[in-house]
Amino acid sequence: MSGEHPVTPELLRGMPLPQHQDGDDKDGRGSVLVVGGSVEVPGAVLLSGVAALRAGAGRLRLATCRSVAPQLGLLVPEALVMGLPETPDGGIAPEAAAVLLQRCQSSHAILLGPGMSEPEAVEALTAELLRGLDGPFLVLDAAAMTGLLRARDALRPHAGRVVITPHAGEMARLLEISREEVEADPLAAARRAAAQLQVVVAMKGGCTHVVTPQGESWNWAGGGIGLATSGSGDTLAGIIAGLLARGATPVQATLWGVFLHGEAGRRLAHSRGPVGFLARELPGEVPGIMAELGGPPAPGSPAAPSAAAEGGIA
């Protein structure tokens, strides 16, 4: 098993993002569907969706509880917004899967989980979608991750197309171990989850670890304390989903997403102060950072993903 490599601009220039030419239409940059939110946390879907667009996705669809969908549509005029059946407590109901599956198949990347409540309902919805989907890339965030060990049979056909983005508490619930055990060795926890579920893991924390099912790993520790703020993880998940929609592989989208998110935080810390900037401000930094990294790839980048790793998960 290889050691960890740092995520650097040189690494990313060695795995450039898909290029889009003048004259291409928005369909050429892919479609993202973000499923999430609740009556109490409707804004998480907004954060993720805007981040996906800032990462370059061409089309955006948002799916959330029916009672808050009209307001979301006004706040994100760039998106098609779907209202879904909701539970009495204001979460997305499991029967929403039937409605979603009709839309999911025309999406290149699906992000499921931001802002969702009621773990049992979310677990049932996630399992139903995993059983019914065929083809799109998936980013599973927040509550959508916690029941994945129990949904391994439904997850298995999606091997090579899934990214998960847990923090320590979510990883503990996913692996059914203590948070203290995860925090003692987050890289080991990430490797365990990646191998068991055959997914790419972005293990969030002061140092974020990106791990493939084959055990290859990278780390990024440059974002700063300001990224530990409400909604920050929603923006990271949205950036990764947007990059997947554009045609990046799961490893590539995750490495770029972690760097773009962290570098956006670093720049906001410089311009605003180390703490106090908002998650909604992060996506606005992303296009400029991508443009700066969009030059010719560095020849022979030493830590780019191996051909074996790309073949196993792309």
C-alpha atoms as a PDB file:
ATOM      1  CA  MET A   1       0.000   0.000   0.000  1.00  0.00           C
ATOM      2  CA  SER A   2       1.470   3.335  -1.050  1.00  0.00           C
ATOM      3  CA  GLY A   3       2.054   6.243   1.291  1.00  0.00           C
ATOM      4  CA  GLU A   4       0.102   9.458   1.125  1.00  0.00           C
ATOM      5  CA  HIS A   5       0.804  12.152  -1.423  1.00  0.00           C
ATOM      6  CA  PRO A   6       0.023  15.829  -0.871  1.00  0.00           C
ATOM      7  CA  VAL A   7      -2.602  17.466  -3.063  1.00  0.00           C
ATOM      8  CA  THR A   8      -0.734  20.249  -4.855  1.00  0.00           C
ATOM      9  CA  PRO A   9      -1.253  22.459  -7.907  1.00  0.00           C
ATOM     10  CA  GLU A  10       1.403  20.412  -9.680  1.00  0.00           C
ATOM     11  CA  LEU A  11      -0.515  17.205  -8.992  1.00  0.00           C
ATOM     12  CA  LEU A  12      -3.717  18.694 -10.373  1.00  0.00           C
ATOM     13  CA  ARG A  13      -2.062  20.126 -13.470  1.00  0.00           C
ATOM     14  CA  GLY A  14      -0.944  16.572 -14.177  1.00  0.00           C
ATOM     15  CA  MET A  15      -4.587  15.457 -14.289  1.00  0.00           C
ATOM     16  CA  PRO A  16      -6.319  18.381 -16.034  1.00  0.00           C
ATOM     17  CA  LEU A  17     -10.071  18.713 -15.945  1.00  0.00           C
ATOM     18  CA  PRO A  18     -12.107  18.090 -19.109  1.00  0.00           C
ATOM     19  CA  GLN A  19     -11.832  21.058 -21.437  1.00  0.00           C
ATOM     20  CA  HIS A  20     -14.855  22.788 -22.974  1.00  0.00           C
ATOM     21  CA  GLN A  21     -14.593  24.823 -26.143  1.00  0.00           C
ATOM     22  CA  ASP A  22     -16.212  28.073 -27.188  1.00  0.00           C
ATOM     23  CA  GLY A  23     -19.446  27.217 -28.946  1.00  0.00           C
ATOM     24  CA  ASP A  24     -20.214  24.159 -26.787  1.00  0.00           C
ATOM     25  CA  ASP A  25     -23.663  24.272 -25.220  1.00  0.00           C
ATOM     26  CA  LYS A  26     -24.504  23.623 -21.575  1.00  0.00           C
ATOM     27  CA  ASP A  27     -25.265  19.957 -22.236  1.00  0.00           C
ATOM     28  CA  GLY A  28     -21.582  19.468 -22.968  1.00  0.00           C
ATOM     29  CA  ARG A  29     -20.759  20.272 -19.331  1.00  0.00           C
ATOM     30  CA  GLY A  30     -23.218  17.779 -17.880  1.00  0.00           C
ATOM     31  CA  SER A  31     -26.209  17.842 -15.593  1.00  0.00           C
ATOM     32  CA  VAL A  32     -26.219  17.690 -11.771  1.00  0.00           C
ATOM     33  CA  LEU A  33     -29.175  16.677  -9.631  1.00  0.00           C
ATOM     34  CA  VAL A  34     -28.957  17.611  -5.949  1.00  0.00           C
ATOM     35  CA  VAL A  35     -31.396  15.772  -3.685  1.00  0.00           C
ATOM     36  CA  GLY A  36     -31.649  16.971  -0.119  1.00  0.00           C
ATOM     37  CA  GLY A  37     -32.827  19.528   2.336  1.00  0.00           C
ATOM     38  CA  SER A  38     -35.646  19.531   4.863  1.00  0.00           C
ATOM     39  CA  VAL A  39     -38.085  22.062   6.225  1.00  0.00           C
ATOM     40  CA  GLU A  40     -35.579  22.943   8.949  1.00  0.00           C
ATOM     41  CA  VAL A  41     -32.473  22.968   6.693  1.00  0.00           C
ATOM     42  CA  PRO A  42     -33.610  24.005   3.206  1.00  0.00           C
ATOM     43  CA  GLY A  43     -30.472  25.992   2.401  1.00  0.00           C
ATOM     44  CA  ALA A  44     -28.081  23.047   2.167  1.00  0.00           C
ATOM     45  CA  VAL A  45     -29.397  22.191  -1.297  1.00  0.00           C
ATOM     46  CA  LEU A  46     -28.847  25.787  -2.397  1.00  0.00           C
ATOM     47  CA  LEU A  47     -25.222  25.718  -1.234  1.00  0.00           C
ATOM     48  CA  SER A  48     -24.495  22.437  -2.991  1.00  0.00           C
ATOM     49  CA  GLY A  49     -26.274  23.391  -6.187  1.00  0.00           C
ATOM     50  CA  VAL A  50     -24.560  26.760  -6.574  1.00  0.00           C
ATOM     51  CA  ALA A  51     -21.208  25.087  -5.863  1.00  0.00           C
ATOM     52  CA  ALA A  52     -21.879  22.558  -8.649  1.00  0.00           C
ATOM     53  CA  LEU A  53     -22.534  25.384 -11.107  1.00  0.00           C
ATOM     54  CA  ARG A  54     -19.438  27.275  -9.964  1.00  0.00           C
ATOM     55  CA  ALA A  55     -17.428  24.105 -10.623  1.00  0.00           C
ATOM     56  CA  GLY A  56     -18.605  24.290 -14.235  1.00  0.00           C
ATOM     57  CA  ALA A  57     -21.636  21.990 -14.488  1.00  0.00           C
ATOM     58  CA  GLY A  58     -23.931  22.968 -17.356  1.00  0.00           C
ATOM     59  CA  ARG A  59     -27.353  22.138 -15.924  1.00  0.00           C
ATOM     60  CA  LEU A  60     -28.658  22.043 -12.365  1.00  0.00           C
ATOM     61  CA  ARG A  61     -31.703  20.356 -10.895  1.00  0.00           C
ATOM     62  CA  LEU A  62     -32.638  20.597  -7.238  1.00  0.00           C
ATOM     63  CA  ALA A  63     -35.033  18.234  -5.487  1.00  0.00           C
ATOM     64  CA  THR A  64     -36.298  19.000  -2.000  1.00  0.00           C
ATOM     65  CA  CYS A  65     -39.378  18.984   0.211  1.00  0.00           C
ATOM     66  CA  ARG A  66     -42.476  20.191  -1.609  1.00  0.00           C
ATOM     67  CA  SER A  67     -43.271  22.888   0.944  1.00  0.00           C
ATOM     68  CA  VAL A  68     -39.949  24.720   0.472  1.00  0.00           C
ATOM     69  CA  ALA A  69     -39.372  24.061  -3.244  1.00  0.00           C
ATOM     70  CA  PRO A  70     -40.983  27.305  -4.540  1.00  0.00           C
ATOM     71  CA  GLN A  71     -38.770  29.472  -2.320  1.00  0.00           C
ATOM     72  CA  LEU A  72     -35.703  27.545  -3.433  1.00  0.00           C
ATOM     73  CA  GLY A  73     -36.650  28.098  -7.074  1.00  0.00           C
ATOM     74  CA  LEU A  74     -36.691  31.856  -6.528  1.00  0.00           C
ATOM     75  CA  LEU A  75     -33.324  31.802  -4.761  1.00  0.00           C
ATOM     76  CA  VAL A  76     -31.635  29.710  -7.466  1.00  0.00           C
ATOM     77  CA  PRO A  77     -33.189  30.864 -10.753  1.00  0.00           C
ATOM     78  CA  GLU A  78     -30.560  28.893 -12.680  1.00  0.00           C
ATOM     79  CA  ALA A  79     -32.051  25.587 -11.485  1.00  0.00           C
ATOM     80  CA  LEU A  80     -35.040  23.421 -12.262  1.00  0.00           C
ATOM     81  CA  VAL A  81     -36.573  22.726  -8.836  1.00  0.00           C
ATOM     82  CA  MET A  82     -38.668  19.672  -7.973  1.00  0.00           C
ATOM     83  CA  GLY A  83     -40.950  19.429  -4.951  1.00  0.00           C
ATOM     84  CA  LEU A  84     -40.937  15.972  -3.355  1.00  0.00           C
ATOM     85  CA  PRO A  85     -43.334  14.203  -0.992  1.00  0.00           C
ATOM     86  CA  GLU A  86     -42.388  14.951   2.593  1.00  0.00           C
ATOM     87  CA  THR A  87     -42.814  13.304   5.968  1.00  0.00           C
ATOM     88  CA  PRO A  88     -44.948  14.813   8.755  1.00  0.00           C
ATOM     89  CA  ASP A  89     -41.727  16.056  10.375  1.00  0.00           C
ATOM     90  CA  GLY A  90     -40.585  17.918   7.261  1.00  0.00           C
ATOM     91  CA  GLY A  91     -38.092  15.547   5.663  1.00  0.00           C
ATOM     92  CA  ILE A  92     -38.088  13.938   2.222  1.00  0.00           C
ATOM     93  CA  ALA A  93     -40.319  10.861   2.276  1.00  0.00           C
ATOM     94  CA  PRO A  94     -38.960   7.499   1.032  1.00  0.00           C
ATOM     95  CA  GLU A  95     -41.724   7.300  -1.600  1.00  0.00           C
ATOM     96  CA  ALA A  96     -40.015  10.225  -3.338  1.00  0.00           C
ATOM     97  CA  ALA A  97     -37.727   7.623  -4.923  1.00  0.00           C
ATOM     98  CA  ALA A  98     -40.305   6.855  -7.620  1.00  0.00           C
ATOM     99  CA  VAL A  99     -40.428  10.519  -8.660  1.00  0.00           C
ATOM    100  CA  LEU A 100     -36.662  10.926  -8.523  1.00  0.00           C
ATOM    101  CA  LEU A 101     -35.820   7.872 -10.586  1.00  0.00           C
ATOM    102  CA  GLN A 102     -37.598   9.404 -13.564  1.00  0.00           C
ATOM    103  CA  ARG A 103     -35.229  12.393 -13.398  1.00  0.00           C
ATOM    104  CA  CYS A 104     -32.063  10.665 -12.243  1.00  0.00           C
ATOM    105  CA  GLN A 105     -31.380   8.744 -15.413  1.00  0.00           C
ATOM    106  CA  SER A 106     -30.883  11.951 -17.415  1.00  0.00           C
ATOM    107  CA  SER A 107     -28.391  13.335 -14.874  1.00  0.00           C
ATOM    108  CA  HIS A 108     -24.653  12.825 -15.190  1.00  0.00           C
ATOM    109  CA  ALA A 109     -23.996  13.263 -11.451  1.00  0.00           C
ATOM    110  CA  ILE A 110     -26.334  12.975  -8.483  1.00  0.00           C
ATOM    111  CA  LEU A 111     -25.610  14.418  -5.058  1.00  0.00           C
ATOM    112  CA  LEU A 112     -27.747  12.923  -2.308  1.00  0.00           C
ATOM    113  CA  GLY A 113     -27.845  13.937   1.343  1.00  0.00           C
ATOM    114  CA  PRO A 114     -27.189  17.623   2.079  1.00  0.00           C
ATOM    115  CA  GLY A 115     -29.526  18.944   4.748  1.00  0.00           C
ATOM    116  CA  MET A 116     -31.621  15.785   4.962  1.00  0.00           C
ATOM    117  CA  SER A 117     -33.180  14.772   8.269  1.00  0.00           C
ATOM    118  CA  GLU A 118     -34.818  11.627   9.733  1.00  0.00           C
ATOM    119  CA  PRO A 119     -32.123   8.945   9.356  1.00  0.00           C
ATOM    120  CA  GLU A 120     -34.507   6.025   8.832  1.00  0.00           C
ATOM    121  CA  ALA A 121     -36.346   7.783   5.997  1.00  0.00           C
ATOM    122  CA  VAL A 122     -33.067   8.855   4.401  1.00  0.00           C
ATOM    123  CA  GLU A 123     -31.655   5.340   4.610  1.00  0.00           C
ATOM    124  CA  ALA A 124     -34.760   3.904   2.942  1.00  0.00           C
ATOM    125  CA  LEU A 125     -34.692   6.529   0.184  1.00  0.00           C
ATOM    126  CA  THR A 126     -30.967   6.025  -0.442  1.00  0.00           C
ATOM    127  CA  ALA A 127     -31.328   2.255  -0.716  1.00  0.00           C
ATOM    128  CA  GLU A 128     -34.279   2.581  -3.102  1.00  0.00           C
ATOM    129  CA  LEU A 129     -32.381   4.972  -5.352  1.00  0.00           C
ATOM    130  CA  LEU A 130     -29.284   2.757  -5.361  1.00  0.00           C
ATOM    131  CA  ARG A 131     -31.435  -0.198  -6.432  1.00  0.00           C
ATOM    132  CA  GLY A 132     -33.109   1.759  -9.236  1.00  0.00           C
ATOM    133  CA  LEU A 133     -30.227   3.787 -10.680  1.00  0.00           C
ATOM    134  CA  ASP A 134     -27.967   2.739 -13.529  1.00  0.00           C
ATOM    135  CA  GLY A 135     -25.235   4.981 -14.872  1.00  0.00           C
ATOM    136  CA  PRO A 136     -24.871   8.349 -13.111  1.00  0.00           C
ATOM    137  CA  PHE A 137     -21.986   9.218 -10.835  1.00  0.00           C
ATOM    138  CA  LEU A 138     -23.048   9.513  -7.202  1.00  0.00           C
ATOM    139  CA  VAL A 139     -21.873  11.741  -4.381  1.00  0.00           C
ATOM    140  CA  LEU A 140     -23.291  10.619  -1.036  1.00  0.00           C
ATOM    141  CA  ASP A 141     -23.107  13.147   1.768  1.00  0.00           C
ATOM    142  CA  ALA A 142     -24.375  13.578   5.335  1.00  0.00           C
ATOM    143  CA  ALA A 143     -27.307  11.316   6.271  1.00  0.00           C
ATOM    144  CA  ALA A 144     -27.191   9.462   2.934  1.00  0.00           C
ATOM    145  CA  MET A 145     -23.972   7.731   4.033  1.00  0.00           C
ATOM    146  CA  THR A 146     -24.920   6.321   7.389  1.00  0.00           C
ATOM    147  CA  GLY A 147     -26.716   3.164   6.219  1.00  0.00           C
ATOM    148  CA  LEU A 148     -24.361   2.180   3.417  1.00  0.00           C
ATOM    149  CA  LEU A 149     -22.972  -0.899   5.143  1.00  0.00           C
ATOM    150  CA  ARG A 150     -26.519  -2.241   5.330  1.00  0.00           C
ATOM    151  CA  ALA A 151     -27.100  -1.285   1.682  1.00  0.00           C
ATOM    152  CA  ARG A 152     -23.942  -2.899   0.288  1.00  0.00           C
ATOM    153  CA  ASP A 153     -25.872  -5.173  -2.088  1.00  0.00           C
ATOM    154  CA  ALA A 154     -27.586  -2.142  -3.624  1.00  0.00           C
ATOM    155  CA  LEU A 155     -24.326  -0.180  -3.678  1.00  0.00           C
ATOM    156  CA  ARG A 156     -22.239  -2.904  -5.316  1.00  0.00           C
ATOM    157  CA  PRO A 157     -23.411  -2.306  -8.933  1.00  0.00           C
ATOM    158  CA  HIS A 158     -22.262   1.315  -8.612  1.00  0.00           C
ATOM    159  CA  ALA A 159     -18.643   0.432  -7.785  1.00  0.00           C
ATOM    160  CA  GLY A 160     -16.362   2.879  -9.530  1.00  0.00           C
ATOM    161  CA  ARG A 161     -18.968   5.662  -9.708  1.00  0.00           C
ATOM    162  CA  VAL A 162     -19.402   6.716  -6.062  1.00  0.00           C
ATOM    163  CA  VAL A 163     -17.769   9.326  -3.825  1.00  0.00           C
ATOM    164  CA  ILE A 164     -18.590   9.754  -0.128  1.00  0.00           C
ATOM    165  CA  THR A 165     -17.677  12.828   1.935  1.00  0.00           C
ATOM    166  CA  PRO A 166     -17.851  12.057   5.679  1.00  0.00           C
ATOM    167  CA  HIS A 167     -16.548  13.992   8.653  1.00  0.00           C
ATOM    168  CA  ALA A 168     -15.466  12.060  11.751  1.00  0.00           C
ATOM    169  CA  GLY A 169     -18.939  11.745  13.266  1.00  0.00           C
ATOM    170  CA  GLU A 170     -20.461  10.534  10.016  1.00  0.00           C
ATOM    171  CA  MET A 171     -17.642   8.068   9.460  1.00  0.00           C
ATOM    172  CA  ALA A 172     -18.162   6.695  12.973  1.00  0.00           C
ATOM    173  CA  ARG A 173     -21.857   6.119  12.255  1.00  0.00           C
ATOM    174  CA  LEU A 174     -21.069   4.603   8.871  1.00  0.00           C
ATOM    175  CA  LEU A 175     -18.530   2.110  10.234  1.00  0.00           C
ATOM    176  CA  GLU A 176     -20.438   1.633  13.507  1.00  0.00           C
ATOM    177  CA  ILE A 177     -17.417   2.530  15.618  1.00  0.00           C
ATOM    178  CA  SER A 178     -16.713   5.353  18.058  1.00  0.00           C
ATOM    179  CA  ARG A 179     -15.876   8.864  16.931  1.00  0.00           C
ATOM    180  CA  GLU A 180     -12.751   8.661  19.083  1.00  0.00           C
ATOM    181  CA  GLU A 181     -11.546   5.678  17.061  1.00  0.00           C
ATOM    182  CA  VAL A 182     -12.029   7.585  13.808  1.00  0.00           C
ATOM    183  CA  GLU A 183     -10.283  10.687  15.141  1.00  0.00           C
ATOM    184  CA  ALA A 184      -7.345   8.596  16.391  1.00  0.00           C
ATOM    185  CA  ASP A 185      -6.610   7.409  12.832  1.00  0.00           C
ATOM    186  CA  PRO A 186      -8.856   9.041  10.188  1.00  0.00           C
ATOM    187  CA  LEU A 187      -6.775   7.665   7.330  1.00  0.00           C
ATOM    188  CA  ALA A 188      -7.285   4.101   8.518  1.00  0.00           C
ATOM    189  CA  ALA A 189     -11.026   4.693   8.820  1.00  0.00           C
ATOM    190  CA  ALA A 190     -11.126   6.133   5.311  1.00  0.00           C
ATOM    191  CA  ARG A 191      -9.216   3.178   3.893  1.00  0.00           C
ATOM    192  CA  ARG A 192     -11.543   0.759   5.639  1.00  0.00           C
ATOM    193  CA  ALA A 193     -14.658   2.465   4.252  1.00  0.00           C
ATOM    194  CA  ALA A 194     -13.197   2.761   0.747  1.00  0.00           C
ATOM    195  CA  ALA A 195     -12.285  -0.933   0.636  1.00  0.00           C
ATOM    196  CA  GLN A 196     -15.516  -2.231   2.154  1.00  0.00           C
ATOM    197  CA  LEU A 197     -17.819  -0.096   0.025  1.00  0.00           C
ATOM    198  CA  GLN A 198     -15.662   0.232  -3.139  1.00  0.00           C
ATOM    199  CA  VAL A 199     -16.030   4.018  -3.150  1.00  0.00           C
ATOM    200  CA  VAL A 200     -13.719   7.008  -3.209  1.00  0.00           C
ATOM    201  CA  VAL A 201     -13.630   8.628   0.236  1.00  0.00           C
ATOM    202  CA  ALA A 202     -13.005  12.272   1.076  1.00  0.00           C
ATOM    203  CA  MET A 203     -12.412  12.018   4.831  1.00  0.00           C
ATOM    204  CA  LYS A 204     -12.986  15.598   5.958  1.00  0.00           C
ATOM    205  CA  GLY A 205     -11.118  17.223   8.827  1.00  0.00           C
ATOM    206  CA  GLY A 206      -8.270  19.586   9.621  1.00  0.00           C
ATOM    207  CA  CYS A 207      -6.356  17.362   7.212  1.00  0.00           C
ATOM    208  CA  THR A 208      -8.618  15.882   4.524  1.00  0.00           C
ATOM    209  CA  HIS A 209      -7.704  12.434   3.224  1.00  0.00           C
ATOM    210  CA  VAL A 210      -8.744  11.182  -0.216  1.00  0.00           C
ATOM    211  CA  VAL A 211      -8.627   7.392  -0.511  1.00  0.00           C
ATOM    212  CA  THR A 212      -9.419   4.943  -3.314  1.00  0.00           C
ATOM    213  CA  PRO A 213     -10.728   1.373  -2.905  1.00  0.00           C
ATOM    214  CA  GLN A 214      -7.208   0.185  -3.795  1.00  0.00           C
ATOM    215  CA  GLY A 215      -5.765   2.096  -0.818  1.00  0.00           C
ATOM    216  CA  GLU A 216      -4.038   4.924  -2.673  1.00  0.00           C
ATOM    217  CA  SER A 217      -4.301   8.134  -0.688  1.00  0.00           C
ATOM    218  CA  TRP A 218      -3.661  11.858  -0.818  1.00  0.00           C
ATOM    219  CA  ASN A 219      -4.024  14.603   1.775  1.00  0.00           C
ATOM    220  CA  TRP A 220      -4.757  18.316   1.893  1.00  0.00           C
ATOM    221  CA  ALA A 221      -4.289  20.408   5.029  1.00  0.00           C
ATOM    222  CA  GLY A 222      -4.205  23.954   3.680  1.00  0.00           C
ATOM    223  CA  GLY A 223      -7.733  25.269   4.043  1.00  0.00           C
ATOM    224  CA  GLY A 224      -7.624  26.690   7.558  1.00  0.00           C
ATOM    225  CA  ILE A 225      -9.973  26.800  10.528  1.00  0.00           C
ATOM    226  CA  GLY A 226     -12.453  29.045   8.731  1.00  0.00           C
ATOM    227  CA  LEU A 227     -13.696  26.074   6.708  1.00  0.00           C
ATOM    228  CA  ALA A 228     -15.095  24.563   9.907  1.00  0.00           C
ATOM    229  CA  THR A 229     -18.375  26.414   9.468  1.00  0.00           C
ATOM    230  CA  SER A 230     -22.008  25.544   8.764  1.00  0.00           C
ATOM    231  CA  GLY A 231     -22.587  24.564   5.161  1.00  0.00           C
ATOM    232  CA  SER A 232     -18.930  24.134   4.240  1.00  0.00           C
ATOM    233  CA  GLY A 233     -19.324  20.408   3.611  1.00  0.00           C
ATOM    234  CA  ASP A 234     -22.358  21.053   1.403  1.00  0.00           C
ATOM    235  CA  THR A 235     -20.232  23.235  -0.852  1.00  0.00           C
ATOM    236  CA  LEU A 236     -17.481  20.610  -1.082  1.00  0.00           C
ATOM    237  CA  ALA A 237     -19.973  17.917  -2.091  1.00  0.00           C
ATOM    238  CA  GLY A 238     -21.457  20.251  -4.702  1.00  0.00           C
ATOM    239  CA  ILE A 239     -18.065  21.063  -6.206  1.00  0.00           C
ATOM    240  CA  ILE A 240     -17.257  17.353  -6.559  1.00  0.00           C
ATOM    241  CA  ALA A 241     -20.652  16.670  -8.156  1.00  0.00           C
ATOM    242  CA  GLY A 242     -20.143  19.503 -10.626  1.00  0.00           C
ATOM    243  CA  LEU A 243     -16.738  18.186 -11.659  1.00  0.00           C
ATOM    244  CA  LEU A 244     -18.136  14.674 -12.111  1.00  0.00           C
ATOM    245  CA  ALA A 245     -20.870  16.056 -14.354  1.00  0.00           C
ATOM    246  CA  ARG A 246     -18.199  17.675 -16.521  1.00  0.00           C
ATOM    247  CA  GLY A 247     -16.557  14.296 -17.098  1.00  0.00           C
ATOM    248  CA  ALA A 248     -13.918  14.032 -14.384  1.00  0.00           C
ATOM    249  CA  THR A 249     -13.304  10.601 -12.861  1.00  0.00           C
ATOM    250  CA  PRO A 250     -14.238  10.068  -9.193  1.00  0.00           C
ATOM    251  CA  VAL A 251     -10.604  10.290  -8.030  1.00  0.00           C
ATOM    252  CA  GLN A 252      -9.927  13.329 -10.179  1.00  0.00           C
ATOM    253  CA  ALA A 253     -13.131  15.128  -9.143  1.00  0.00           C
ATOM    254  CA  THR A 254     -12.466  14.456  -5.472  1.00  0.00           C
ATOM    255  CA  LEU A 255      -8.850  15.615  -5.526  1.00  0.00           C
ATOM    256  CA  TRP A 256      -9.725  18.750  -7.473  1.00  0.00           C
ATOM    257  CA  GLY A 257     -12.799  19.345  -5.294  1.00  0.00           C
ATOM    258  CA  VAL A 258     -10.864  19.087  -2.043  1.00  0.00           C
ATOM    259  CA  PHE A 259      -8.206  21.469  -3.328  1.00  0.00           C
ATOM    260  CA  LEU A 260     -10.659  23.996  -4.798  1.00  0.00           C
ATOM    261  CA  HIS A 261     -12.696  24.026  -1.585  1.00  0.00           C
ATOM    262  CA  GLY A 262      -9.638  24.355   0.618  1.00  0.00           C
ATOM    263  CA  GLU A 263      -7.959  26.976  -1.534  1.00  0.00           C
ATOM    264  CA  ALA A 264     -11.198  28.985  -1.601  1.00  0.00           C
ATOM    265  CA  GLY A 265     -11.140  28.923   2.189  1.00  0.00           C
ATOM    266  CA  ARG A 266      -7.505  30.001   2.255  1.00  0.00           C
ATOM    267  CA  ARG A 267      -8.212  32.966   0.000  1.00  0.00           C
ATOM    268  CA  LEU A 268     -11.250  34.051   1.979  1.00  0.00           C
ATOM    269  CA  ALA A 269      -9.206  33.816   5.176  1.00  0.00           C
ATOM    270  CA  HIS A 270      -6.728  36.219   3.603  1.00  0.00           C
ATOM    271  CA  SER A 271      -9.351  38.697   2.379  1.00  0.00           C
ATOM    272  CA  ARG A 272     -11.924  38.421   5.204  1.00  0.00           C
ATOM    273  CA  GLY A 273     -10.010  37.048   8.171  1.00  0.00           C
ATOM    274  CA  PRO A 274      -9.241  33.514   9.368  1.00  0.00           C
ATOM    275  CA  VAL A 275     -12.743  32.934  10.761  1.00  0.00           C
ATOM    276  CA  GLY A 276     -16.129  34.448  10.000  1.00  0.00           C
ATOM    277  CA  PHE A 277     -16.441  33.985   6.248  1.00  0.00           C
ATOM    278  CA  LEU A 278     -19.522  32.083   5.109  1.00  0.00           C
ATOM    279  CA  ALA A 279     -19.939  28.817   3.247  1.00  0.00           C
ATOM    280  CA  ARG A 280     -21.992  30.661   0.627  1.00  0.00           C
ATOM    281  CA  GLU A 281     -18.889  32.714  -0.211  1.00  0.00           C
ATOM    282  CA  LEU A 282     -16.731  29.695  -1.054  1.00  0.00           C
ATOM    283  CA  PRO A 283     -18.194  28.825  -4.489  1.00  0.00           C
ATOM    284  CA  GLY A 284     -17.515  32.299  -5.843  1.00  0.00           C
ATOM    285  CA  GLU A 285     -13.772  31.701  -5.505  1.00  0.00           C
ATOM    286  CA  VAL A 286     -13.810  28.444  -7.445  1.00  0.00           C
ATOM    287  CA  PRO A 287     -13.890  29.594 -11.105  1.00  0.00           C
ATOM    288  CA  GLY A 288     -10.821  31.786 -10.648  1.00  0.00           C
ATOM    289  CA  ILE A 289      -8.845  29.025  -8.961  1.00  0.00           C
ATOM    290  CA  MET A 290      -9.740  26.590 -11.735  1.00  0.00           C
ATOM    291  CA  ALA A 291      -8.656  29.109 -14.337  1.00  0.00           C
ATOM    292  CA  GLU A 292      -5.283  29.573 -12.634  1.00  0.00           C
ATOM    293  CA  LEU A 293      -4.724  25.808 -12.634  1.00  0.00           C
ATOM    294  CA  GLY A 294      -5.918  25.349 -16.194  1.00  0.00           C
ATOM    295  CA  GLY A 295      -2.551  25.736 -17.894  1.00  0.00           C
ATOM    296  CA  PRO A 296      -0.643  22.902 -19.562  1.00  0.00           C
ATOM    297  CA  PRO A 297      -0.234  19.783 -17.395  1.00  0.00           C
ATOM    298  CA  ALA A 298       3.048  19.324 -15.586  1.00  0.00           C
ATOM    299  CA  PRO A 299       4.963  16.494 -17.340  1.00  0.00           C
ATOM    300  CA  GLY A 300       5.494  13.352 -15.306  1.00  0.00           C
ATOM    301  CA  SER A 301       3.581  14.509 -12.224  1.00  0.00           C
ATOM    302  CA  PRO A 302       4.912  11.996  -9.671  1.00  0.00           C
ATOM    303  CA  ALA A 303       1.801  11.566  -7.532  1.00  0.00           C
ATOM    304  CA  ALA A 304      -0.944  11.355 -10.140  1.00  0.00           C
ATOM    305  CA  PRO A 305      -3.307   8.372  -9.705  1.00  0.00           C
ATOM    306  CA  SER A 306      -1.890   5.166 -11.084  1.00  0.00           C
ATOM    307  CA  ALA A 307      -3.403   3.529 -14.134  1.00  0.00           C
ATOM    308  CA  ALA A 308      -4.536   0.649 -11.910  1.00  0.00           C
ATOM    309  CA  ALA A 309      -6.371   2.929  -9.542  1.00  0.00           C
ATOM    310  CA  GLU A 310      -8.074   4.840 -12.350  1.00  0.00           C
ATOM    311  CA  GLY A 311      -9.090   1.649 -14.064  1.00  0.00           C
ATOM    312  CA  GLY A 312     -10.524   0.243 -10.881  1.00  0.00           C
ATOM    313  CA  ILE A 313     -12.784   3.112 -10.031  1.00  0.00           C
ATOM    314  CA  ALA A 314     -13.483   5.251 -13.089  1.00  0.00           C
END
